[in-house]
């Protein structure tokens, strides 16, 4: 079932979400200082291509909080807002609710990507 969900996800918008993560990762990777942030974006672009069957766990730390604040200022808020709006659009119909829930998971990830681990 998760394979069918992932294929439908990819066809109906998952590619564009992953593309957004990829573009932000490229922008962050321009400098050496931003390279770790860019690599994190690439990892999450891969996750957003096939999100069904994967869970995200969060941990905290002083370094994670600092980088998450910088992330929100320089690109994270826009990606989170786009994912939340897409999730609302998916949740209009009963069939779209599982896809909307995945978008909400990605929106939360877009707000706090550092300290997050994909399980």
PDB file of N, CA and C in Angstrom:
ATOM      1  N   UNK A   1       0.811  -1.188   0.000  1.00  0.00           N
ATOM      2  CA  UNK A   1       0.000   0.000   0.000  1.00  0.00           C
ATOM      3  C   UNK A   1       0.859   1.257   0.000  1.00  0.00           C
ATOM      4  N   UNK A   2       2.001   1.228   0.749  1.00  0.00           N
ATOM      5  CA  UNK A   2       2.835   2.417   0.779  1.00  0.00           C
ATOM      6  C   UNK A   2       3.485   2.679  -0.583  1.00  0.00           C
ATOM      7  N   UNK A   3       3.702   1.629  -1.383  1.00  0.00           N
ATOM      8  CA  UNK A   3       4.266   1.825  -2.718  1.00  0.00           C
ATOM      9  C   UNK A   3       3.284   2.572  -3.610  1.00  0.00           C
ATOM     10  N   UNK A   4       2.015   2.198  -3.543  1.00  0.00           N
ATOM     11  CA  UNK A   4       0.991   2.899  -4.325  1.00  0.00           C
ATOM     12  C   UNK A   4       0.874   4.339  -3.850  1.00  0.00           C
ATOM     13  N   UNK A   5       0.883   4.527  -2.525  1.00  0.00           N
ATOM     14  CA  UNK A   5       0.828   5.887  -1.975  1.00  0.00           C
ATOM     15  C   UNK A   5       2.007   6.731  -2.419  1.00  0.00           C
ATOM     16  N   UNK A   6       3.208   6.146  -2.414  1.00  0.00           N
ATOM     17  CA  UNK A   6       4.393   6.881  -2.849  1.00  0.00           C
ATOM     18  C   UNK A   6       4.335   7.234  -4.330  1.00  0.00           C
ATOM     19  N   UNK A   7       3.843   6.313  -5.161  1.00  0.00           N
ATOM     20  CA  UNK A   7       3.736   6.609  -6.594  1.00  0.00           C
ATOM     21  C   UNK A   7       2.730   7.722  -6.858  1.00  0.00           C
ATOM     22  N   UNK A   8       1.572   7.641  -6.199  1.00  0.00           N
ATOM     23  CA  UNK A   8       0.578   8.697  -6.358  1.00  0.00           C
ATOM     24  C   UNK A   8       1.097  10.033  -5.822  1.00  0.00           C
ATOM     25  N   UNK A   9       1.822   9.971  -4.725  1.00  0.00           N
ATOM     26  CA  UNK A   9       2.415  11.165  -4.141  1.00  0.00           C
ATOM     27  C   UNK A   9       3.377  11.826  -5.129  1.00  0.00           C
ATOM     28  N   UNK A  10       4.227  11.016  -5.739  1.00  0.00           N
ATOM     29  CA  UNK A  10       5.197  11.541  -6.690  1.00  0.00           C
ATOM     30  C   UNK A  10       4.500  12.206  -7.873  1.00  0.00           C
ATOM     31  N   UNK A  11       3.441  11.578  -8.376  1.00  0.00           N
ATOM     32  CA  UNK A  11       2.733  12.098  -9.540  1.00  0.00           C
ATOM     33  C   UNK A  11       1.983  13.388  -9.216  1.00  0.00           C
ATOM     34  N   UNK A  12       1.334  13.449  -8.044  1.00  0.00           N
ATOM     35  CA  UNK A  12       0.457  14.565  -7.728  1.00  0.00           C
ATOM     36  C   UNK A  12       1.087  15.615  -6.826  1.00  0.00           C
ATOM     37  N   UNK A  13       2.359  15.872  -6.955  1.00  0.00           N
ATOM     38  CA  UNK A  13       2.953  16.995  -6.262  1.00  0.00           C
ATOM     39  C   UNK A  13       4.217  16.724  -5.484  1.00  0.00           C
ATOM     40  N   UNK A  14       4.537  15.495  -5.201  1.00  0.00           N
ATOM     41  CA  UNK A  14       5.734  15.192  -4.430  1.00  0.00           C
ATOM     42  C   UNK A  14       7.013  15.617  -5.129  1.00  0.00           C
ATOM     43  N   UNK A  15       7.008  15.522  -6.438  1.00  0.00           N
ATOM     44  CA  UNK A  15       8.190  15.933  -7.195  1.00  0.00           C
ATOM     45  C   UNK A  15       8.475  17.413  -6.981  1.00  0.00           C
ATOM     46  N   UNK A  16       7.425  18.241  -6.976  1.00  0.00           N
ATOM     47  CA  UNK A  16       7.619  19.683  -6.837  1.00  0.00           C
ATOM     48  C   UNK A  16       8.072  20.066  -5.436  1.00  0.00           C
ATOM     49  N   UNK A  17       7.609  19.358  -4.438  1.00  0.00           N
ATOM     50  CA  UNK A  17       8.072  19.608  -3.064  1.00  0.00           C
ATOM     51  C   UNK A  17       9.551  19.264  -2.953  1.00  0.00           C
ATOM     52  N   UNK A  18       9.934  18.122  -3.490  1.00  0.00           N
ATOM     53  CA  UNK A  18      11.340  17.718  -3.471  1.00  0.00           C
ATOM     54  C   UNK A  18      12.193  18.693  -4.274  1.00  0.00           C
ATOM     55  N   UNK A  19      11.657  19.192  -5.369  1.00  0.00           N
ATOM     56  CA  UNK A  19      12.381  20.170  -6.180  1.00  0.00           C
ATOM     57  C   UNK A  19      12.623  21.454  -5.382  1.00  0.00           C
ATOM     58  N   UNK A  20      11.636  21.878  -4.582  1.00  0.00           N
ATOM     59  CA  UNK A  20      11.810  23.048  -3.724  1.00  0.00           C
ATOM     60  C   UNK A  20      12.933  22.860  -2.718  1.00  0.00           C
ATOM     61  N   UNK A  21      12.968  21.681  -2.074  1.00  0.00           N
ATOM     62  CA  UNK A  21      14.046  21.374  -1.141  1.00  0.00           C
ATOM     63  C   UNK A  21      15.393  21.372  -1.863  1.00  0.00           C
ATOM     64  N   UNK A  22      15.414  20.833  -3.074  1.00  0.00           N
ATOM     65  CA  UNK A  22      16.653  20.761  -3.842  1.00  0.00           C
ATOM     66  C   UNK A  22      17.167  22.156  -4.187  1.00  0.00           C
ATOM     67  N   UNK A  23      16.277  23.053  -4.606  1.00  0.00           N
ATOM     68  CA  UNK A  23      16.686  24.418  -4.964  1.00  0.00           C
ATOM     69  C   UNK A  23      17.227  25.153  -3.744  1.00  0.00           C
ATOM     70  N   UNK A  24      16.541  25.038  -2.608  1.00  0.00           N
ATOM     71  CA  UNK A  24      17.035  25.682  -1.389  1.00  0.00           C
ATOM     72  C   UNK A  24      18.387  25.087  -0.994  1.00  0.00           C
ATOM     73  N   UNK A  25      18.566  23.781  -1.190  1.00  0.00           N
ATOM     74  CA  UNK A  25      19.852  23.146  -0.910  1.00  0.00           C
ATOM     75  C   UNK A  25      20.962  23.677  -1.799  1.00  0.00           C
ATOM     76  N   UNK A  26      20.646  23.929  -3.057  1.00  0.00           N
ATOM     77  CA  UNK A  26      21.651  24.508  -3.960  1.00  0.00           C
ATOM     78  C   UNK A  26      22.047  25.913  -3.520  1.00  0.00           C
ATOM     79  N   UNK A  27      21.064  26.710  -3.122  1.00  0.00           N
ATOM     80  CA  UNK A  27      21.354  28.076  -2.678  1.00  0.00           C
ATOM     81  C   UNK A  27      22.232  28.058  -1.428  1.00  0.00           C
ATOM     82  N   UNK A  28      21.922  27.188  -0.477  1.00  0.00           N
ATOM     83  CA  UNK A  28      22.724  27.095   0.737  1.00  0.00           C
ATOM     84  C   UNK A  28      24.120  26.561   0.448  1.00  0.00           C
ATOM     85  N   UNK A  29      24.278  25.738  -0.553  1.00  0.00           N
ATOM     86  CA  UNK A  29      25.569  25.106  -0.829  1.00  0.00           C
ATOM     87  C   UNK A  29      26.542  26.006  -1.569  1.00  0.00           C
ATOM     88  N   UNK A  30      26.161  27.230  -1.838  1.00  0.00           N
ATOM     89  CA  UNK A  30      27.052  28.147  -2.553  1.00  0.00           C
ATOM     90  C   UNK A  30      28.283  28.473  -1.708  1.00  0.00           C
ATOM     91  N   UNK A  31      28.104  28.592  -0.396  1.00  0.00           N
ATOM     92  CA  UNK A  31      29.235  28.915   0.472  1.00  0.00           C
ATOM     93  C   UNK A  31      29.648  27.692   1.292  1.00  0.00           C
ATOM     94  N   UNK A  32      30.851  27.727   1.784  1.00  0.00           N
ATOM     95  CA  UNK A  32      31.337  26.627   2.611  1.00  0.00           C
ATOM     96  C   UNK A  32      30.581  26.588   3.931  1.00  0.00           C
ATOM     97  N   UNK A  33      30.251  27.738   4.477  1.00  0.00           N
ATOM     98  CA  UNK A  33      29.530  27.792   5.745  1.00  0.00           C
ATOM     99  C   UNK A  33      28.133  27.195   5.598  1.00  0.00           C
ATOM    100  N   UNK A  34      27.497  27.406   4.460  1.00  0.00           N
ATOM    101  CA  UNK A  34      26.144  26.902   4.243  1.00  0.00           C
ATOM    102  C   UNK A  34      26.083  25.476   3.743  1.00  0.00           C
ATOM    103  N   UNK A  35      27.215  24.863   3.467  1.00  0.00           N
ATOM    104  CA  UNK A  35      27.228  23.512   2.910  1.00  0.00           C
ATOM    105  C   UNK A  35      26.543  22.467   3.798  1.00  0.00           C
ATOM    106  N   UNK A  36      26.734  22.461   5.116  1.00  0.00           N
ATOM    107  CA  UNK A  36      26.000  21.476   5.932  1.00  0.00           C
ATOM    108  C   UNK A  36      24.482  21.650   5.837  1.00  0.00           C
ATOM    109  N   UNK A  37      24.043  22.885   5.740  1.00  0.00           N
ATOM    110  CA  UNK A  37      22.613  23.144   5.593  1.00  0.00           C
ATOM    111  C   UNK A  37      22.131  22.629   4.242  1.00  0.00           C
ATOM    112  N   UNK A  38      22.920  22.861   3.205  1.00  0.00           N
ATOM    113  CA  UNK A  38      22.569  22.371   1.872  1.00  0.00           C
ATOM    114  C   UNK A  38      22.495  20.857   1.816  1.00  0.00           C
ATOM    115  N   UNK A  39      23.420  20.191   2.465  1.00  0.00           N
ATOM    116  CA  UNK A  39      23.397  18.725   2.492  1.00  0.00           C
ATOM    117  C   UNK A  39      22.161  18.206   3.225  1.00  0.00           C
ATOM    118  N   UNK A  40      21.759  18.903   4.290  1.00  0.00           N
ATOM    119  CA  UNK A  40      20.542  18.526   5.003  1.00  0.00           C
ATOM    120  C   UNK A  40      19.321  18.683   4.084  1.00  0.00           C
ATOM    121  N   UNK A  41      19.309  19.744   3.306  1.00  0.00           N
ATOM    122  CA  UNK A  41      18.199  19.969   2.356  1.00  0.00           C
ATOM    123  C   UNK A  41      18.140  18.860   1.309  1.00  0.00           C
ATOM    124  N   UNK A  42      19.284  18.424   0.828  1.00  0.00           N
ATOM    125  CA  UNK A  42      19.297  17.342  -0.159  1.00  0.00           C
ATOM    126  C   UNK A  42      18.764  16.046   0.440  1.00  0.00           C
ATOM    127  N   UNK A  43      19.109  15.797   1.705  1.00  0.00           N
ATOM    128  CA  UNK A  43      18.622  14.594   2.377  1.00  0.00           C
ATOM    129  C   UNK A  43      17.094  14.632   2.497  1.00  0.00           C
ATOM    130  N   UNK A  44      16.556  15.795   2.825  1.00  0.00           N
ATOM    131  CA  UNK A  44      15.109  15.899   2.959  1.00  0.00           C
ATOM    132  C   UNK A  44      14.400  15.966   1.614  1.00  0.00           C
ATOM    133  N   UNK A  45      15.106  16.406   0.567  1.00  0.00           N
ATOM    134  CA  UNK A  45      14.525  16.329  -0.780  1.00  0.00           C
ATOM    135  C   UNK A  45      14.305  14.870  -1.161  1.00  0.00           C
ATOM    136  N   UNK A  46      15.246  14.034  -0.803  1.00  0.00           N
ATOM    137  CA  UNK A  46      15.107  12.597  -1.052  1.00  0.00           C
ATOM    138  C   UNK A  46      13.928  12.020  -0.265  1.00  0.00           C
ATOM    139  N   UNK A  47      13.765  12.470   0.986  1.00  0.00           N
ATOM    140  CA  UNK A  47      12.643  12.002   1.804  1.00  0.00           C
ATOM    141  C   UNK A  47      11.311  12.415   1.202  1.00  0.00           C
ATOM    142  N   UNK A  48      11.206  13.629   0.707  1.00  0.00           N
ATOM    143  CA  UNK A  48       9.923  14.105   0.202  1.00  0.00           C
ATOM    144  C   UNK A  48       9.530  13.464  -1.125  1.00  0.00           C
ATOM    145  N   UNK A  49      10.447  12.790  -1.772  1.00  0.00           N
ATOM    146  CA  UNK A  49      10.052  12.050  -2.973  1.00  0.00           C
ATOM    147  C   UNK A  49       9.216  10.822  -2.620  1.00  0.00           C
ATOM    148  N   UNK A  50       9.535  10.141  -1.520  1.00  0.00           N
ATOM    149  CA  UNK A  50       8.859   8.911  -1.111  1.00  0.00           C
ATOM    150  C   UNK A  50       8.566   8.954   0.388  1.00  0.00           C
ATOM    151  N   UNK A  51       7.569   9.734   0.856  1.00  0.00           N
ATOM    152  CA  UNK A  51       7.380   9.930   2.299  1.00  0.00           C
ATOM    153  C   UNK A  51       6.594   8.845   3.023  1.00  0.00           C
ATOM    154  N   UNK A  52       5.796   8.051   2.307  1.00  0.00           N
ATOM    155  CA  UNK A  52       4.955   7.063   2.985  1.00  0.00           C
ATOM    156  C   UNK A  52       5.817   5.947   3.560  1.00  0.00           C
ATOM    157  N   UNK A  53       5.518   5.537   4.799  1.00  0.00           N
ATOM    158  CA  UNK A  53       6.252   4.480   5.455  1.00  0.00           C
ATOM    159  C   UNK A  53       7.468   4.972   6.216  1.00  0.00           C
ATOM    160  N   UNK A  54       7.664   6.298   6.291  1.00  0.00           N
ATOM    161  CA  UNK A  54       8.803   6.852   7.016  1.00  0.00           C
ATOM    162  C   UNK A  54       8.295   7.781   8.110  1.00  0.00           C
ATOM    163  N   UNK A  55       8.965   7.751   9.244  1.00  0.00           N
ATOM    164  CA  UNK A  55       8.634   8.614  10.373  1.00  0.00           C
ATOM    165  C   UNK A  55       9.822   9.522  10.666  1.00  0.00           C
ATOM    166  N   UNK A  56       9.542  10.646  11.297  1.00  0.00           N
ATOM    167  CA  UNK A  56      10.582  11.604  11.640  1.00  0.00           C
ATOM    168  C   UNK A  56      10.601  11.767  13.150  1.00  0.00           C
ATOM    169  N   UNK A  57      11.783  11.628  13.747  1.00  0.00           N
ATOM    170  CA  UNK A  57      11.934  11.861  15.175  1.00  0.00           C
ATOM    171  C   UNK A  57      12.790  13.115  15.363  1.00  0.00           C
ATOM    172  N   UNK A  58      12.517  13.828  16.432  1.00  0.00           N
ATOM    173  CA  UNK A  58      13.205  15.091  16.686  1.00  0.00           C
ATOM    174  C   UNK A  58      13.998  15.002  17.979  1.00  0.00           C
ATOM    175  N   UNK A  59      15.179  15.600  17.963  1.00  0.00           N
ATOM    176  CA  UNK A  59      15.991  15.734  19.173  1.00  0.00           C
ATOM    177  C   UNK A  59      16.372  17.204  19.312  1.00  0.00           C
ATOM    178  N   UNK A  60      16.753  17.595  20.492  1.00  0.00           N
ATOM    179  CA  UNK A  60      17.089  18.998  20.705  1.00  0.00           C
ATOM    180  C   UNK A  60      18.552  19.149  21.074  1.00  0.00           C
ATOM    181  N   UNK A  61      19.032  20.344  20.941  1.00  0.00           N
ATOM    182  CA  UNK A  61      20.410  20.676  21.273  1.00  0.00           C
ATOM    183  C   UNK A  61      20.638  22.140  20.975  1.00  0.00           C
ATOM    184  N   UNK A  62      21.627  22.736  21.606  1.00  0.00           N
ATOM    185  CA  UNK A  62      21.881  24.163  21.418  1.00  0.00           C
ATOM    186  C   UNK A  62      22.253  24.485  19.968  1.00  0.00           C
ATOM    187  N   UNK A  63      23.078  23.650  19.372  1.00  0.00           N
ATOM    188  CA  UNK A  63      23.460  23.872  17.975  1.00  0.00           C
ATOM    189  C   UNK A  63      22.289  23.732  17.033  1.00  0.00           C
ATOM    190  N   UNK A  64      21.422  22.760  17.305  1.00  0.00           N
ATOM    191  CA  UNK A  64      20.246  22.566  16.467  1.00  0.00           C
ATOM    192  C   UNK A  64      19.312  23.766  16.531  1.00  0.00           C
ATOM    193  N   UNK A  65      19.135  24.333  17.715  1.00  0.00           N
ATOM    194  CA  UNK A  65      18.239  25.474  17.870  1.00  0.00           C
ATOM    195  C   UNK A  65      18.774  26.678  17.102  1.00  0.00           C
ATOM    196  N   UNK A  66      20.063  26.938  17.193  1.00  0.00           N
ATOM    197  CA  UNK A  66      20.660  28.070  16.492  1.00  0.00           C
ATOM    198  C   UNK A  66      20.516  27.928  14.980  1.00  0.00           C
ATOM    199  N   UNK A  67      20.840  26.765  14.461  1.00  0.00           N
ATOM    200  CA  UNK A  67      20.759  26.546  13.017  1.00  0.00           C
ATOM    201  C   UNK A  67      19.302  26.548  12.552  1.00  0.00           C
ATOM    202  N   UNK A  68      18.374  26.028  13.366  1.00  0.00           N
ATOM    203  CA  UNK A  68      16.951  26.073  13.005  1.00  0.00           C
ATOM    204  C   UNK A  68      16.440  27.511  12.922  1.00  0.00           C
ATOM    205  N   UNK A  69      16.909  28.396  13.803  1.00  0.00           N
ATOM    206  CA  UNK A  69      16.508  29.804  13.739  1.00  0.00           C
ATOM    207  C   UNK A  69      17.019  30.446  12.458  1.00  0.00           C
ATOM    208  N   UNK A  70      18.281  30.206  12.133  1.00  0.00           N
ATOM    209  CA  UNK A  70      18.823  30.725  10.865  1.00  0.00           C
ATOM    210  C   UNK A  70      18.076  30.138   9.669  1.00  0.00           C
ATOM    211  N   UNK A  71      17.747  28.866   9.759  1.00  0.00           N
ATOM    212  CA  UNK A  71      17.012  28.193   8.694  1.00  0.00           C
ATOM    213  C   UNK A  71      15.647  28.853   8.459  1.00  0.00           C
ATOM    214  N   UNK A  72      14.936  29.169   9.535  1.00  0.00           N
ATOM    215  CA  UNK A  72      13.621  29.804   9.401  1.00  0.00           C
ATOM    216  C   UNK A  72      13.734  31.150   8.706  1.00  0.00           C
ATOM    217  N   UNK A  73      14.771  31.893   9.016  1.00  0.00           N
ATOM    218  CA  UNK A  73      14.947  33.217   8.416  1.00  0.00           C
ATOM    219  C   UNK A  73      15.290  33.118   6.934  1.00  0.00           C
ATOM    220  N   UNK A  74      16.109  32.157   6.564  1.00  0.00           N
ATOM    221  CA  UNK A  74      16.645  32.084   5.202  1.00  0.00           C
ATOM    222  C   UNK A  74      16.070  30.954   4.358  1.00  0.00           C
ATOM    223  N   UNK A  75      14.798  30.670   4.439  1.00  0.00           N
ATOM    224  CA  UNK A  75      14.207  29.733   3.498  1.00  0.00           C
ATOM    225  C   UNK A  75      13.242  28.725   4.070  1.00  0.00           C
ATOM    226  N   UNK A  76      13.328  28.422   5.331  1.00  0.00           N
ATOM    227  CA  UNK A  76      12.490  27.375   5.908  1.00  0.00           C
ATOM    228  C   UNK A  76      11.034  27.768   6.025  1.00  0.00           C
ATOM    229  N   UNK A  77      10.779  29.027   6.368  1.00  0.00           N
ATOM    230  CA  UNK A  77       9.401  29.453   6.555  1.00  0.00           C
ATOM    231  C   UNK A  77       8.606  29.346   5.258  1.00  0.00           C
ATOM    232  N   UNK A  78       9.215  29.717   4.149  1.00  0.00           N
ATOM    233  CA  UNK A  78       8.529  29.654   2.854  1.00  0.00           C
ATOM    234  C   UNK A  78       8.199  28.219   2.465  1.00  0.00           C
ATOM    235  N   UNK A  79       9.133  27.300   2.680  1.00  0.00           N
ATOM    236  CA  UNK A  79       8.876  25.897   2.362  1.00  0.00           C
ATOM    237  C   UNK A  79       7.804  25.314   3.275  1.00  0.00           C
ATOM    238  N   UNK A  80       7.816  25.696   4.549  1.00  0.00           N
ATOM    239  CA  UNK A  80       6.795  25.211   5.487  1.00  0.00           C
ATOM    240  C   UNK A  80       5.421  25.752   5.108  1.00  0.00           C
ATOM    241  N   UNK A  81       5.349  27.007   4.747  1.00  0.00           N
ATOM    242  CA  UNK A  81       4.073  27.603   4.346  1.00  0.00           C
ATOM    243  C   UNK A  81       3.529  26.944   3.079  1.00  0.00           C
ATOM    244  N   UNK A  82       4.389  26.695   2.112  1.00  0.00           N
ATOM    245  CA  UNK A  82       3.953  26.037   0.875  1.00  0.00           C
ATOM    246  C   UNK A  82       3.446  24.621   1.158  1.00  0.00           C
ATOM    247  N   UNK A  83       4.135  23.895   2.030  1.00  0.00           N
ATOM    248  CA  UNK A  83       3.705  22.535   2.359  1.00  0.00           C
ATOM    249  C   UNK A  83       2.388  22.550   3.134  1.00  0.00           C
ATOM    250  N   UNK A  84       2.212  23.505   4.039  1.00  0.00           N
ATOM    251  CA  UNK A  84       0.964  23.583   4.812  1.00  0.00           C
ATOM    252  C   UNK A  84      -0.221  23.930   3.913  1.00  0.00           C
ATOM    253  N   UNK A  85      -0.034  24.855   2.988  1.00  0.00           N
ATOM    254  CA  UNK A  85      -1.113  25.217   2.065  1.00  0.00           C
ATOM    255  C   UNK A  85      -1.453  24.033   1.158  1.00  0.00           C
ATOM    256  N   UNK A  86      -0.433  23.331   0.689  1.00  0.00           N
ATOM    257  CA  UNK A  86      -0.680  22.141  -0.133  1.00  0.00           C
ATOM    258  C   UNK A  86      -1.410  21.069   0.672  1.00  0.00           C
ATOM    259  N   UNK A  87      -1.039  20.909   1.932  1.00  0.00           N
ATOM    260  CA  UNK A  87      -1.717  19.950   2.800  1.00  0.00           C
ATOM    261  C   UNK A  87      -3.179  20.290   2.981  1.00  0.00           C
ATOM    262  N   UNK A  88      -3.490  21.571   3.151  1.00  0.00           N
ATOM    263  CA  UNK A  88      -4.888  21.991   3.253  1.00  0.00           C
ATOM    264  C   UNK A  88      -5.655  21.703   1.967  1.00  0.00           C
ATOM    265  N   UNK A  89      -5.013  21.941   0.838  1.00  0.00           N
ATOM    266  CA  UNK A  89      -5.668  21.663  -0.447  1.00  0.00           C
ATOM    267  C   UNK A  89      -5.931  20.168  -0.615  1.00  0.00           C
ATOM    268  N   UNK A  90      -4.994  19.338  -0.210  1.00  0.00           N
ATOM    269  CA  UNK A  90      -5.190  17.891  -0.301  1.00  0.00           C
ATOM    270  C   UNK A  90      -6.311  17.422   0.618  1.00  0.00           C
ATOM    271  N   UNK A  91      -6.444  18.034   1.788  1.00  0.00           N
ATOM    272  CA  UNK A  91      -7.439  17.586   2.776  1.00  0.00           C
ATOM    273  C   UNK A  91      -8.871  17.993   2.435  1.00  0.00           C
ATOM    274  N   UNK A  92      -9.084  18.655   1.318  1.00  0.00           N
ATOM    275  CA  UNK A  92     -10.438  19.038   0.918  1.00  0.00           C
ATOM    276  C   UNK A  92     -11.277  17.797   0.630  1.00  0.00           C
ATOM    277  N   UNK A  93     -10.660  16.765   0.068  1.00  0.00           N
ATOM    278  CA  UNK A  93     -11.402  15.540  -0.238  1.00  0.00           C
ATOM    279  C   UNK A  93     -10.944  14.410   0.692  1.00  0.00           C
ATOM    280  N   UNK A  94     -11.787  13.428   0.847  1.00  0.00           N
ATOM    281  CA  UNK A  94     -11.460  12.288   1.709  1.00  0.00           C
ATOM    282  C   UNK A  94     -10.286  11.499   1.138  1.00  0.00           C
ATOM    283  N   UNK A  95     -10.242  11.376  -0.166  1.00  0.00           N
ATOM    284  CA  UNK A  95      -9.157  10.627  -0.804  1.00  0.00           C
ATOM    285  C   UNK A  95      -7.811  11.320  -0.599  1.00  0.00           C
ATOM    286  N   UNK A  96      -7.815  12.635  -0.515  1.00  0.00           N
ATOM    287  CA  UNK A  96      -6.570  13.385  -0.377  1.00  0.00           C
ATOM    288  C   UNK A  96      -6.034  13.504   1.031  1.00  0.00           C
ATOM    289  N   UNK A  97      -6.792  13.058   2.035  1.00  0.00           N
ATOM    290  CA  UNK A  97      -6.361  13.230   3.429  1.00  0.00           C
ATOM    291  C   UNK A  97      -5.008  12.570   3.721  1.00  0.00           C
ATOM    292  N   UNK A  98      -4.728  11.346   3.277  1.00  0.00           N
ATOM    293  CA  UNK A  98      -3.388  10.790   3.548  1.00  0.00           C
ATOM    294  C   UNK A  98      -2.257  11.634   2.940  1.00  0.00           C
ATOM    295  N   UNK A  99      -2.511  12.225   1.783  1.00  0.00           N
ATOM    296  CA  UNK A  99      -1.502  13.069   1.157  1.00  0.00           C
ATOM    297  C   UNK A  99      -1.363  14.389   1.907  1.00  0.00           C
ATOM    298  N   UNK A 100      -2.479  14.908   2.402  1.00  0.00           N
ATOM    299  CA  UNK A 100      -2.431  16.119   3.210  1.00  0.00           C
ATOM    300  C   UNK A 100      -1.651  15.911   4.498  1.00  0.00           C
ATOM    301  N   UNK A 101      -1.836  14.752   5.122  1.00  0.00           N
ATOM    302  CA  UNK A 101      -1.092  14.456   6.344  1.00  0.00           C
ATOM    303  C   UNK A 101       0.412  14.372   6.082  1.00  0.00           C
ATOM    304  N   UNK A 102       0.787  13.822   4.934  1.00  0.00           N
ATOM    305  CA  UNK A 102       2.207  13.784   4.570  1.00  0.00           C
ATOM    306  C   UNK A 102       2.740  15.204   4.365  1.00  0.00           C
ATOM    307  N   UNK A 103       1.928  16.075   3.767  1.00  0.00           N
ATOM    308  CA  UNK A 103       2.351  17.463   3.574  1.00  0.00           C
ATOM    309  C   UNK A 103       2.520  18.176   4.908  1.00  0.00           C
ATOM    310  N   UNK A 104       1.644  17.885   5.871  1.00  0.00           N
ATOM    311  CA  UNK A 104       1.788  18.494   7.191  1.00  0.00           C
ATOM    312  C   UNK A 104       3.056  17.993   7.881  1.00  0.00           C
ATOM    313  N   UNK A 105       3.397  16.719   7.669  1.00  0.00           N
ATOM    314  CA  UNK A 105       4.644  16.166   8.212  1.00  0.00           C
ATOM    315  C   UNK A 105       5.836  16.903   7.604  1.00  0.00           C
ATOM    316  N   UNK A 106       5.770  17.175   6.307  1.00  0.00           N
ATOM    317  CA  UNK A 106       6.854  17.882   5.633  1.00  0.00           C
ATOM    318  C   UNK A 106       6.900  19.345   6.071  1.00  0.00           C
ATOM    319  N   UNK A 107       5.733  19.941   6.337  1.00  0.00           N
ATOM    320  CA  UNK A 107       5.702  21.328   6.815  1.00  0.00           C
ATOM    321  C   UNK A 107       6.394  21.444   8.172  1.00  0.00           C
ATOM    322  N   UNK A 108       6.129  20.501   9.057  1.00  0.00           N
ATOM    323  CA  UNK A 108       6.804  20.508  10.364  1.00  0.00           C
ATOM    324  C   UNK A 108       8.301  20.320  10.183  1.00  0.00           C
ATOM    325  N   UNK A 109       8.666  19.443   9.272  1.00  0.00           N
ATOM    326  CA  UNK A 109      10.079  19.220   8.985  1.00  0.00           C
ATOM    327  C   UNK A 109      10.717  20.479   8.410  1.00  0.00           C
ATOM    328  N   UNK A 110       9.979  21.232   7.599  1.00  0.00           N
ATOM    329  CA  UNK A 110      10.515  22.457   7.013  1.00  0.00           C
ATOM    330  C   UNK A 110      10.729  23.533   8.070  1.00  0.00           C
ATOM    331  N   UNK A 111       9.960  23.480   9.155  1.00  0.00           N
ATOM    332  CA  UNK A 111      10.176  24.440  10.232  1.00  0.00           C
ATOM    333  C   UNK A 111      11.378  24.077  11.097  1.00  0.00           C
ATOM    334  N   UNK A 112      11.581  22.794  11.353  1.00  0.00           N
ATOM    335  CA  UNK A 112      12.652  22.345  12.248  1.00  0.00           C
ATOM    336  C   UNK A 112      13.433  21.179  11.644  1.00  0.00           C
ATOM    337  N   UNK A 113      14.228  21.419  10.608  1.00  0.00           N
ATOM    338  CA  UNK A 113      14.911  20.287   9.962  1.00  0.00           C
ATOM    339  C   UNK A 113      16.148  19.784  10.710  1.00  0.00           C
ATOM    340  N   UNK A 114      16.736  20.616  11.544  1.00  0.00           N
ATOM    341  CA  UNK A 114      17.976  20.202  12.207  1.00  0.00           C
ATOM    342  C   UNK A 114      17.650  19.580  13.552  1.00  0.00           C
ATOM    343  N   UNK A 115      18.197  18.416  13.779  1.00  0.00           N
ATOM    344  CA  UNK A 115      17.861  17.614  14.930  1.00  0.00           C
ATOM    345  C   UNK A 115      16.795  16.589  14.577  1.00  0.00           C
ATOM    346  N   UNK A 116      16.351  16.590  13.320  1.00  0.00           N
ATOM    347  CA  UNK A 116      15.354  15.621  12.860  1.00  0.00           C
ATOM    348  C   UNK A 116      16.074  14.422  12.262  1.00  0.00           C
ATOM    349  N   UNK A 117      15.510  13.245  12.517  1.00  0.00           N
ATOM    350  CA  UNK A 117      16.092  12.015  11.998  1.00  0.00           C
ATOM    351  C   UNK A 117      14.971  11.203  11.349  1.00  0.00           C
ATOM    352  N   UNK A 118      15.230  10.691  10.161  1.00  0.00           N
ATOM    353  CA  UNK A 118      14.245   9.889   9.434  1.00  0.00           C
ATOM    354  C   UNK A 118      14.388   8.447   9.872  1.00  0.00           C
ATOM    355  N   UNK A 119      13.266   7.868  10.313  1.00  0.00           N
ATOM    356  CA  UNK A 119      13.262   6.479  10.801  1.00  0.00           C
ATOM    357  C   UNK A 119      12.468   5.631   9.839  1.00  0.00           C
TER     358      UNK A 119
END
